[in-house]
């Protein structure tokens, strides 16, 4: 009986999600983005995650004043709300003809060269700006890729999300024990691999992040060590409402050990230094509510 009730609850939640998706699609991208920002600016500070955010800001940016921390927090809630409510419009945002995402000439030239080369690359990103956009934009420009993602707990929501992401981003690989094997298989097939690497990974090495040790995800560095694939960083910075700038960093020269192979822990630390630099540039666009430094 309990299992049936849980299943029914998950199904109802998924139906509610589909209705919300349809409404957000109906009202249009700009209205959905603005509504999401307004809702999270209002509700976010009332949640326990706001306390986590303020603790993180005090730990990571002690040189700033409480007023500056509060301003960053407001911006971060706004960005999270916009990112969430923009989800039904990812296809429009990523459409090369839509003009909502731009990049400078050097970034475009590098991306075109990588596409023409056809060699798989490893791409790392962070929960910065709208972090769903880079994979969709890359796929829209013809990159064949596999994306590591965290599957929602609700099985019906997970199925909906996976269908949407596969259509827009390519092969989706859920995080879990089998993920490293499936990512390695994708690279063997010639697919590029992308992943977000800025959240806590309890089994990973502890590397410096904003001057404090933080458990970090070493998976991308391990794949680089095994496959010797070039590594690039990709970020999507919000400029105004649902308009974005794409930046591409790389190829990143990863540290190597005495044998000449990629040093996994040192490489993981380097990727986190790069992401820290990104966050310092745009602190109001990062996911500060995540408990990055917990033991």
C-alpha atoms as a PDB file:
ATOM      1  CA  UNK A   1       0.000   0.000   0.000  1.00  0.00           C
ATOM      2  CA  UNK A   2       2.771   2.401   0.933  1.00  0.00           C
ATOM      3  CA  UNK A   3       4.634   1.684  -2.312  1.00  0.00           C
ATOM      4  CA  UNK A   4       1.470   2.347  -4.301  1.00  0.00           C
ATOM      5  CA  UNK A   5       0.933   5.659  -2.533  1.00  0.00           C
ATOM      6  CA  UNK A   6       4.536   6.694  -3.184  1.00  0.00           C
ATOM      7  CA  UNK A   7       4.170   5.806  -6.846  1.00  0.00           C
ATOM      8  CA  UNK A   8       0.919   7.762  -7.075  1.00  0.00           C
ATOM      9  CA  UNK A   9       2.549  10.741  -5.383  1.00  0.00           C
ATOM     10  CA  UNK A  10       5.464  10.656  -7.811  1.00  0.00           C
ATOM     11  CA  UNK A  11       3.082  10.419 -10.758  1.00  0.00           C
ATOM     12  CA  UNK A  12       1.032  13.381  -9.524  1.00  0.00           C
ATOM     13  CA  UNK A  13       4.203  15.422  -9.006  1.00  0.00           C
ATOM     14  CA  UNK A  14       5.272  14.589 -12.550  1.00  0.00           C
ATOM     15  CA  UNK A  15       1.886  15.627 -13.926  1.00  0.00           C
ATOM     16  CA  UNK A  16       2.191  18.909 -12.035  1.00  0.00           C
ATOM     17  CA  UNK A  17       5.648  19.373 -13.527  1.00  0.00           C
ATOM     18  CA  UNK A  18       4.322  18.788 -17.029  1.00  0.00           C
ATOM     19  CA  UNK A  19       1.550  21.337 -16.495  1.00  0.00           C
ATOM     20  CA  UNK A  20       4.048  23.891 -15.195  1.00  0.00           C
ATOM     21  CA  UNK A  21       6.296  23.145 -18.172  1.00  0.00           C
ATOM     22  CA  UNK A  22       3.375  23.747 -20.543  1.00  0.00           C
ATOM     23  CA  UNK A  23       2.423  27.018 -18.857  1.00  0.00           C
ATOM     24  CA  UNK A  24       5.991  28.314 -18.929  1.00  0.00           C
ATOM     25  CA  UNK A  25       6.238  27.346 -22.562  1.00  0.00           C
ATOM     26  CA  UNK A  26       2.976  29.154 -23.277  1.00  0.00           C
ATOM     27  CA  UNK A  27       3.925  32.451 -21.656  1.00  0.00           C
ATOM     28  CA  UNK A  28       7.185  32.681 -23.588  1.00  0.00           C
ATOM     29  CA  UNK A  29      10.862  32.727 -22.745  1.00  0.00           C
ATOM     30  CA  UNK A  30      11.279  36.283 -21.485  1.00  0.00           C
ATOM     31  CA  UNK A  31       8.216  36.157 -19.245  1.00  0.00           C
ATOM     32  CA  UNK A  32       9.189  32.730 -17.901  1.00  0.00           C
ATOM     33  CA  UNK A  33      12.717  33.897 -17.118  1.00  0.00           C
ATOM     34  CA  UNK A  34      11.506  37.050 -15.364  1.00  0.00           C
ATOM     35  CA  UNK A  35       8.877  35.103 -13.405  1.00  0.00           C
ATOM     36  CA  UNK A  36      11.443  32.551 -12.232  1.00  0.00           C
ATOM     37  CA  UNK A  37      13.764  35.275 -11.007  1.00  0.00           C
ATOM     38  CA  UNK A  38      10.945  37.027  -9.135  1.00  0.00           C
ATOM     39  CA  UNK A  39       9.685  33.820  -7.500  1.00  0.00           C
ATOM     40  CA  UNK A  40      13.088  32.683  -6.219  1.00  0.00           C
ATOM     41  CA  UNK A  41      14.060  36.175  -5.041  1.00  0.00           C
ATOM     42  CA  UNK A  42      10.925  36.044  -2.904  1.00  0.00           C
ATOM     43  CA  UNK A  43      10.933  32.419  -1.737  1.00  0.00           C
ATOM     44  CA  UNK A  44      14.636  31.560  -1.683  1.00  0.00           C
ATOM     45  CA  UNK A  45      15.579  33.654   1.370  1.00  0.00           C
ATOM     46  CA  UNK A  46      12.856  31.865   3.382  1.00  0.00           C
ATOM     47  CA  UNK A  47      14.433  28.422   2.925  1.00  0.00           C
ATOM     48  CA  UNK A  48      17.184  26.698   4.863  1.00  0.00           C
ATOM     49  CA  UNK A  49      19.296  26.767   1.718  1.00  0.00           C
ATOM     50  CA  UNK A  50      19.585  30.521   2.196  1.00  0.00           C
ATOM     51  CA  UNK A  51      21.397  29.872   5.453  1.00  0.00           C
ATOM     52  CA  UNK A  52      23.785  27.512   3.656  1.00  0.00           C
ATOM     53  CA  UNK A  53      24.337  30.191   1.015  1.00  0.00           C
ATOM     54  CA  UNK A  54      25.192  32.898   3.524  1.00  0.00           C
ATOM     55  CA  UNK A  55      27.561  30.562   5.378  1.00  0.00           C
ATOM     56  CA  UNK A  56      29.287  29.717   2.100  1.00  0.00           C
ATOM     57  CA  UNK A  57      29.638  33.375   1.177  1.00  0.00           C
ATOM     58  CA  UNK A  58      31.185  34.200   4.546  1.00  0.00           C
ATOM     59  CA  UNK A  59      33.623  31.287   4.203  1.00  0.00           C
ATOM     60  CA  UNK A  60      34.593  31.899   0.582  1.00  0.00           C
ATOM     61  CA  UNK A  61      34.549  35.709   0.434  1.00  0.00           C
ATOM     62  CA  UNK A  62      35.505  36.936   3.923  1.00  0.00           C
ATOM     63  CA  UNK A  63      36.880  40.176   2.485  1.00  0.00           C
ATOM     64  CA  UNK A  64      33.379  41.283   1.481  1.00  0.00           C
ATOM     65  CA  UNK A  65      30.866  43.058   3.698  1.00  0.00           C
ATOM     66  CA  UNK A  66      27.536  41.573   4.841  1.00  0.00           C
ATOM     67  CA  UNK A  67      25.789  43.941   2.437  1.00  0.00           C
ATOM     68  CA  UNK A  68      27.865  42.601  -0.456  1.00  0.00           C
ATOM     69  CA  UNK A  69      27.085  39.026   0.594  1.00  0.00           C
ATOM     70  CA  UNK A  70      23.376  39.875   0.671  1.00  0.00           C
ATOM     71  CA  UNK A  71      23.542  41.386  -2.819  1.00  0.00           C
ATOM     72  CA  UNK A  72      25.271  38.283  -4.190  1.00  0.00           C
ATOM     73  CA  UNK A  73      22.657  36.077  -2.519  1.00  0.00           C
ATOM     74  CA  UNK A  74      19.805  38.031  -4.137  1.00  0.00           C
ATOM     75  CA  UNK A  75      21.466  37.725  -7.534  1.00  0.00           C
ATOM     76  CA  UNK A  76      22.110  34.008  -7.033  1.00  0.00           C
ATOM     77  CA  UNK A  77      18.456  33.324  -6.188  1.00  0.00           C
ATOM     78  CA  UNK A  78      17.414  35.361  -9.230  1.00  0.00           C
ATOM     79  CA  UNK A  79      19.758  33.380 -11.475  1.00  0.00           C
ATOM     80  CA  UNK A  80      18.573  30.030 -10.105  1.00  0.00           C
ATOM     81  CA  UNK A  81      14.941  31.002 -10.623  1.00  0.00           C
ATOM     82  CA  UNK A  82      15.568  32.167 -14.155  1.00  0.00           C
ATOM     83  CA  UNK A  83      17.581  29.037 -15.004  1.00  0.00           C
ATOM     84  CA  UNK A  84      14.827  26.774 -13.670  1.00  0.00           C
ATOM     85  CA  UNK A  85      11.984  28.551 -15.472  1.00  0.00           C
ATOM     86  CA  UNK A  86      13.970  28.798 -18.732  1.00  0.00           C
ATOM     87  CA  UNK A  87      14.175  25.011 -18.933  1.00  0.00           C
ATOM     88  CA  UNK A  88      11.105  24.606 -21.193  1.00  0.00           C
ATOM     89  CA  UNK A  89      12.728  27.028 -23.642  1.00  0.00           C
ATOM     90  CA  UNK A  90      16.172  25.431 -23.935  1.00  0.00           C
ATOM     91  CA  UNK A  91      15.572  24.597 -27.579  1.00  0.00           C
ATOM     92  CA  UNK A  92      14.933  28.248 -28.382  1.00  0.00           C
ATOM     93  CA  UNK A  93      17.906  29.468 -26.352  1.00  0.00           C
ATOM     94  CA  UNK A  94      20.250  26.979 -28.028  1.00  0.00           C
ATOM     95  CA  UNK A  95      18.980  27.617 -31.563  1.00  0.00           C
ATOM     96  CA  UNK A  96      21.912  29.146 -33.489  1.00  0.00           C
ATOM     97  CA  UNK A  97      19.434  31.302 -35.433  1.00  0.00           C
ATOM     98  CA  UNK A  98      17.872  32.726 -32.283  1.00  0.00           C
ATOM     99  CA  UNK A  99      20.658  35.132 -31.362  1.00  0.00           C
ATOM    100  CA  UNK A 100      20.265  34.523 -27.619  1.00  0.00           C
ATOM    101  CA  UNK A 101      23.750  33.044 -27.147  1.00  0.00           C
ATOM    102  CA  UNK A 102      26.866  34.660 -28.531  1.00  0.00           C
ATOM    103  CA  UNK A 103      30.616  34.120 -28.353  1.00  0.00           C
ATOM    104  CA  UNK A 104      33.635  36.040 -29.545  1.00  0.00           C
ATOM    105  CA  UNK A 105      35.410  35.179 -32.790  1.00  0.00           C
ATOM    106  CA  UNK A 106      38.211  33.246 -31.087  1.00  0.00           C
ATOM    107  CA  UNK A 107      35.773  30.984 -29.234  1.00  0.00           C
ATOM    108  CA  UNK A 108      33.801  30.330 -32.417  1.00  0.00           C
ATOM    109  CA  UNK A 109      36.959  29.534 -34.364  1.00  0.00           C
ATOM    110  CA  UNK A 110      38.132  27.084 -31.690  1.00  0.00           C
ATOM    111  CA  UNK A 111      34.771  25.363 -31.588  1.00  0.00           C
ATOM    112  CA  UNK A 112      34.660  25.033 -35.378  1.00  0.00           C
ATOM    113  CA  UNK A 113      38.182  23.587 -35.347  1.00  0.00           C
ATOM    114  CA  UNK A 114      37.216  20.995 -32.745  1.00  0.00           C
ATOM    115  CA  UNK A 115      34.157  19.996 -34.773  1.00  0.00           C
ATOM    116  CA  UNK A 116      36.208  19.679 -37.942  1.00  0.00           C
ATOM    117  CA  UNK A 117      38.893  17.656 -36.146  1.00  0.00           C
ATOM    118  CA  UNK A 118      36.337  15.135 -34.946  1.00  0.00           C
ATOM    119  CA  UNK A 119      38.456  14.040 -32.010  1.00  0.00           C
ATOM    120  CA  UNK A 120      36.622  13.488 -28.709  1.00  0.00           C
ATOM    121  CA  UNK A 121      37.207  16.165 -26.097  1.00  0.00           C
ATOM    122  CA  UNK A 122      36.516  16.347 -22.375  1.00  0.00           C
ATOM    123  CA  UNK A 123      34.585  19.431 -21.318  1.00  0.00           C
ATOM    124  CA  UNK A 124      34.087  20.627 -17.755  1.00  0.00           C
ATOM    125  CA  UNK A 125      31.519  23.188 -16.640  1.00  0.00           C
ATOM    126  CA  UNK A 126      30.111  24.646 -13.428  1.00  0.00           C
ATOM    127  CA  UNK A 127      26.718  25.604 -12.016  1.00  0.00           C
ATOM    128  CA  UNK A 128      27.219  29.129 -13.317  1.00  0.00           C
ATOM    129  CA  UNK A 129      24.816  31.277 -15.354  1.00  0.00           C
ATOM    130  CA  UNK A 130      22.440  28.865 -17.070  1.00  0.00           C
ATOM    131  CA  UNK A 131      24.468  25.659 -16.839  1.00  0.00           C
ATOM    132  CA  UNK A 132      21.995  23.714 -19.012  1.00  0.00           C
ATOM    133  CA  UNK A 133      22.744  25.839 -22.071  1.00  0.00           C
ATOM    134  CA  UNK A 134      26.330  24.814 -23.029  1.00  0.00           C
ATOM    135  CA  UNK A 135      25.508  21.173 -23.796  1.00  0.00           C
ATOM    136  CA  UNK A 136      22.422  22.156 -25.789  1.00  0.00           C
ATOM    137  CA  UNK A 137      24.359  24.771 -27.776  1.00  0.00           C
ATOM    138  CA  UNK A 138      27.191  22.321 -28.522  1.00  0.00           C
ATOM    139  CA  UNK A 139      24.710  19.718 -29.773  1.00  0.00           C
ATOM    140  CA  UNK A 140      22.865  22.329 -31.860  1.00  0.00           C
ATOM    141  CA  UNK A 141      26.165  23.107 -33.598  1.00  0.00           C
ATOM    142  CA  UNK A 142      26.766  19.455 -34.443  1.00  0.00           C
ATOM    143  CA  UNK A 143      28.894  18.117 -31.603  1.00  0.00           C
ATOM    144  CA  UNK A 144      28.260  14.454 -30.832  1.00  0.00           C
ATOM    145  CA  UNK A 145      28.447  14.163 -27.085  1.00  0.00           C
ATOM    146  CA  UNK A 146      27.580  12.334 -23.901  1.00  0.00           C
ATOM    147  CA  UNK A 147      26.589  14.304 -20.828  1.00  0.00           C
ATOM    148  CA  UNK A 148      26.900  13.168 -17.222  1.00  0.00           C
ATOM    149  CA  UNK A 149      23.863  14.234 -15.197  1.00  0.00           C
ATOM    150  CA  UNK A 150      22.181  13.612 -11.867  1.00  0.00           C
ATOM    151  CA  UNK A 151      18.916  11.744 -12.320  1.00  0.00           C
ATOM    152  CA  UNK A 152      15.918  13.118 -10.344  1.00  0.00           C
ATOM    153  CA  UNK A 153      14.614  10.828  -7.595  1.00  0.00           C
ATOM    154  CA  UNK A 154      11.102  10.872  -9.053  1.00  0.00           C
ATOM    155  CA  UNK A 155      11.118   8.168 -11.746  1.00  0.00           C
ATOM    156  CA  UNK A 156       8.432   9.870 -13.852  1.00  0.00           C
ATOM    157  CA  UNK A 157      10.160  13.244 -13.713  1.00  0.00           C
ATOM    158  CA  UNK A 158      13.454  11.503 -14.514  1.00  0.00           C
ATOM    159  CA  UNK A 159      11.945   9.969 -17.643  1.00  0.00           C
ATOM    160  CA  UNK A 160      10.586  13.345 -18.789  1.00  0.00           C
ATOM    161  CA  UNK A 161      13.892  15.097 -18.151  1.00  0.00           C
ATOM    162  CA  UNK A 162      15.902  12.410 -19.911  1.00  0.00           C
ATOM    163  CA  UNK A 163      13.695  12.554 -23.016  1.00  0.00           C
ATOM    164  CA  UNK A 164      14.090  16.325 -23.234  1.00  0.00           C
ATOM    165  CA  UNK A 165      17.819  16.275 -22.621  1.00  0.00           C
ATOM    166  CA  UNK A 166      18.510  13.479 -25.086  1.00  0.00           C
ATOM    167  CA  UNK A 167      16.654  15.400 -27.766  1.00  0.00           C
ATOM    168  CA  UNK A 168      18.604  18.594 -27.080  1.00  0.00           C
ATOM    169  CA  UNK A 169      21.976  17.419 -25.763  1.00  0.00           C
ATOM    170  CA  UNK A 170      22.744  13.911 -26.996  1.00  0.00           C
ATOM    171  CA  UNK A 171      23.438  10.810 -24.941  1.00  0.00           C
ATOM    172  CA  UNK A 172      22.616  11.201 -21.258  1.00  0.00           C
ATOM    173  CA  UNK A 173      24.571   9.188 -18.679  1.00  0.00           C
ATOM    174  CA  UNK A 174      23.195   9.224 -15.126  1.00  0.00           C
ATOM    175  CA  UNK A 175      25.664   9.636 -12.277  1.00  0.00           C
ATOM    176  CA  UNK A 176      26.268   6.403 -10.373  1.00  0.00           C
ATOM    177  CA  UNK A 177      28.560   3.421 -10.107  1.00  0.00           C
ATOM    178  CA  UNK A 178      28.238   2.589 -13.809  1.00  0.00           C
ATOM    179  CA  UNK A 179      28.878   6.158 -15.001  1.00  0.00           C
ATOM    180  CA  UNK A 180      32.687   5.877 -15.439  1.00  0.00           C
ATOM    181  CA  UNK A 181      32.261   2.762 -17.590  1.00  0.00           C
ATOM    182  CA  UNK A 182      29.557   4.324 -19.734  1.00  0.00           C
ATOM    183  CA  UNK A 183      31.559   7.545 -20.167  1.00  0.00           C
ATOM    184  CA  UNK A 184      34.606   5.520 -21.205  1.00  0.00           C
ATOM    185  CA  UNK A 185      32.469   3.648 -23.729  1.00  0.00           C
ATOM    186  CA  UNK A 186      31.237   6.953 -25.135  1.00  0.00           C
ATOM    187  CA  UNK A 187      34.804   8.179 -25.601  1.00  0.00           C
ATOM    188  CA  UNK A 188      35.721   4.878 -27.288  1.00  0.00           C
ATOM    189  CA  UNK A 189      32.850   5.510 -29.720  1.00  0.00           C
ATOM    190  CA  UNK A 190      34.228   8.944 -30.569  1.00  0.00           C
ATOM    191  CA  UNK A 191      31.764  11.000 -28.528  1.00  0.00           C
ATOM    192  CA  UNK A 192      32.902  14.027 -26.569  1.00  0.00           C
ATOM    193  CA  UNK A 193      32.078  14.008 -22.853  1.00  0.00           C
ATOM    194  CA  UNK A 194      30.833  16.904 -20.741  1.00  0.00           C
ATOM    195  CA  UNK A 195      30.179  17.208 -17.034  1.00  0.00           C
ATOM    196  CA  UNK A 196      29.648  19.668 -14.203  1.00  0.00           C
ATOM    197  CA  UNK A 197      32.510  19.317 -11.738  1.00  0.00           C
ATOM    198  CA  UNK A 198      31.941  22.012  -9.119  1.00  0.00           C
ATOM    199  CA  UNK A 199      29.829  20.164  -6.549  1.00  0.00           C
ATOM    200  CA  UNK A 200      30.932  18.164  -3.540  1.00  0.00           C
ATOM    201  CA  UNK A 201      32.041  14.582  -4.271  1.00  0.00           C
ATOM    202  CA  UNK A 202      32.489  12.778  -0.968  1.00  0.00           C
ATOM    203  CA  UNK A 203      34.802  10.051  -2.323  1.00  0.00           C
ATOM    204  CA  UNK A 204      37.016  12.482  -4.197  1.00  0.00           C
ATOM    205  CA  UNK A 205      40.287  14.172  -3.247  1.00  0.00           C
ATOM    206  CA  UNK A 206      40.148  17.277  -1.065  1.00  0.00           C
ATOM    207  CA  UNK A 207      41.499  20.188  -3.075  1.00  0.00           C
ATOM    208  CA  UNK A 208      41.669  23.927  -2.351  1.00  0.00           C
ATOM    209  CA  UNK A 209      38.552  25.869  -3.313  1.00  0.00           C
ATOM    210  CA  UNK A 210      38.351  29.504  -2.210  1.00  0.00           C
ATOM    211  CA  UNK A 211      41.216  28.792   0.187  1.00  0.00           C
ATOM    212  CA  UNK A 212      39.499  25.879   1.931  1.00  0.00           C
ATOM    213  CA  UNK A 213      39.718  22.114   1.314  1.00  0.00           C
ATOM    214  CA  UNK A 214      36.707  20.743  -0.555  1.00  0.00           C
ATOM    215  CA  UNK A 215      35.968  17.186  -1.694  1.00  0.00           C
ATOM    216  CA  UNK A 216      36.048  17.330  -5.497  1.00  0.00           C
ATOM    217  CA  UNK A 217      35.020  15.104  -8.385  1.00  0.00           C
ATOM    218  CA  UNK A 218      38.108  13.514 -10.031  1.00  0.00           C
ATOM    219  CA  UNK A 219      36.235  11.718 -12.819  1.00  0.00           C
ATOM    220  CA  UNK A 220      37.148  14.075 -15.650  1.00  0.00           C
ATOM    221  CA  UNK A 221      40.822  13.968 -14.666  1.00  0.00           C
ATOM    222  CA  UNK A 222      40.709  10.169 -14.561  1.00  0.00           C
ATOM    223  CA  UNK A 223      39.213  10.044 -18.044  1.00  0.00           C
ATOM    224  CA  UNK A 224      41.900  12.467 -19.263  1.00  0.00           C
ATOM    225  CA  UNK A 225      44.576  10.209 -17.765  1.00  0.00           C
ATOM    226  CA  UNK A 226      43.181   7.130 -19.502  1.00  0.00           C
ATOM    227  CA  UNK A 227      42.270   8.581 -22.896  1.00  0.00           C
ATOM    228  CA  UNK A 228      44.678  11.529 -23.256  1.00  0.00           C
ATOM    229  CA  UNK A 229      41.758  13.549 -24.642  1.00  0.00           C
ATOM    230  CA  UNK A 230      42.097  17.348 -24.752  1.00  0.00           C
ATOM    231  CA  UNK A 231      40.324  19.176 -21.918  1.00  0.00           C
ATOM    232  CA  UNK A 232      38.304  22.373 -22.291  1.00  0.00           C
ATOM    233  CA  UNK A 233      36.260  24.474 -19.901  1.00  0.00           C
ATOM    234  CA  UNK A 234      32.905  25.816 -21.080  1.00  0.00           C
ATOM    235  CA  UNK A 235      30.824  28.407 -19.272  1.00  0.00           C
ATOM    236  CA  UNK A 236      27.613  30.261 -20.070  1.00  0.00           C
ATOM    237  CA  UNK A 237      27.402  33.730 -18.527  1.00  0.00           C
ATOM    238  CA  UNK A 238      24.050  35.456 -18.182  1.00  0.00           C
ATOM    239  CA  UNK A 239      24.176  38.975 -19.626  1.00  0.00           C
ATOM    240  CA  UNK A 240      20.578  40.211 -19.433  1.00  0.00           C
ATOM    241  CA  UNK A 241      17.505  38.091 -18.858  1.00  0.00           C
ATOM    242  CA  UNK A 242      17.676  35.059 -21.169  1.00  0.00           C
ATOM    243  CA  UNK A 243      20.705  36.277 -23.155  1.00  0.00           C
ATOM    244  CA  UNK A 244      24.098  34.638 -22.665  1.00  0.00           C
ATOM    245  CA  UNK A 245      27.769  34.688 -23.581  1.00  0.00           C
ATOM    246  CA  UNK A 246      29.652  31.439 -24.112  1.00  0.00           C
ATOM    247  CA  UNK A 247      33.306  31.226 -23.110  1.00  0.00           C
ATOM    248  CA  UNK A 248      35.650  28.360 -23.976  1.00  0.00           C
ATOM    249  CA  UNK A 249      38.895  27.815 -22.058  1.00  0.00           C
ATOM    250  CA  UNK A 250      41.584  25.458 -23.273  1.00  0.00           C
ATOM    251  CA  UNK A 251      43.044  23.179 -24.146  1.00  0.00           C
ATOM    252  CA  UNK A 252      43.933  23.025 -20.457  1.00  0.00           C
ATOM    253  CA  UNK A 253      47.420  21.650 -19.820  1.00  0.00           C
ATOM    254  CA  UNK A 254      46.889  19.199 -16.973  1.00  0.00           C
ATOM    255  CA  UNK A 255      49.659  18.456 -14.439  1.00  0.00           C
ATOM    256  CA  UNK A 256      51.489  15.168 -14.928  1.00  0.00           C
ATOM    257  CA  UNK A 257      53.296  12.766 -12.631  1.00  0.00           C
ATOM    258  CA  UNK A 258      56.836  11.429 -12.897  1.00  0.00           C
ATOM    259  CA  UNK A 259      55.743   8.835 -15.451  1.00  0.00           C
ATOM    260  CA  UNK A 260      54.282  11.516 -17.722  1.00  0.00           C
ATOM    261  CA  UNK A 261      50.648  10.569 -17.134  1.00  0.00           C
ATOM    262  CA  UNK A 262      47.969  12.988 -15.929  1.00  0.00           C
ATOM    263  CA  UNK A 263      48.204  13.488 -12.156  1.00  0.00           C
ATOM    264  CA  UNK A 264      44.551  13.017 -11.169  1.00  0.00           C
ATOM    265  CA  UNK A 265      44.586  14.912  -7.867  1.00  0.00           C
ATOM    266  CA  UNK A 266      46.683  17.810  -9.169  1.00  0.00           C
ATOM    267  CA  UNK A 267      44.533  18.029 -12.314  1.00  0.00           C
ATOM    268  CA  UNK A 268      41.352  18.054 -10.231  1.00  0.00           C
ATOM    269  CA  UNK A 269      42.806  20.874  -8.147  1.00  0.00           C
ATOM    270  CA  UNK A 270      43.615  22.841 -11.318  1.00  0.00           C
ATOM    271  CA  UNK A 271      40.067  22.507 -12.663  1.00  0.00           C
ATOM    272  CA  UNK A 272      38.717  23.762  -9.345  1.00  0.00           C
ATOM    273  CA  UNK A 273      41.078  26.768  -9.473  1.00  0.00           C
ATOM    274  CA  UNK A 274      39.728  27.623 -12.905  1.00  0.00           C
ATOM    275  CA  UNK A 275      36.144  27.366 -11.680  1.00  0.00           C
ATOM    276  CA  UNK A 276      36.972  29.478  -8.631  1.00  0.00           C
ATOM    277  CA  UNK A 277      38.187  32.173 -10.995  1.00  0.00           C
ATOM    278  CA  UNK A 278      34.940  31.979 -12.940  1.00  0.00           C
ATOM    279  CA  UNK A 279      32.882  32.312  -9.759  1.00  0.00           C
ATOM    280  CA  UNK A 280      34.935  35.278  -8.530  1.00  0.00           C
ATOM    281  CA  UNK A 281      34.197  37.036 -11.834  1.00  0.00           C
ATOM    282  CA  UNK A 282      30.447  36.409 -11.567  1.00  0.00           C
ATOM    283  CA  UNK A 283      29.631  35.536  -7.945  1.00  0.00           C
ATOM    284  CA  UNK A 284      25.932  36.302  -8.342  1.00  0.00           C
ATOM    285  CA  UNK A 285      25.559  33.581 -10.979  1.00  0.00           C
ATOM    286  CA  UNK A 286      26.896  30.590  -9.014  1.00  0.00           C
ATOM    287  CA  UNK A 287      24.960  27.996  -7.018  1.00  0.00           C
ATOM    288  CA  UNK A 288      26.056  29.155  -3.554  1.00  0.00           C
ATOM    289  CA  UNK A 289      23.222  27.269  -1.845  1.00  0.00           C
ATOM    290  CA  UNK A 290      25.028  23.939  -2.424  1.00  0.00           C
ATOM    291  CA  UNK A 291      26.963  22.767   0.686  1.00  0.00           C
ATOM    292  CA  UNK A 292      30.329  22.633  -1.084  1.00  0.00           C
ATOM    293  CA  UNK A 293      32.532  22.611   2.020  1.00  0.00           C
ATOM    294  CA  UNK A 294      30.727  20.214   4.334  1.00  0.00           C
ATOM    295  CA  UNK A 295      32.779  17.372   5.815  1.00  0.00           C
END
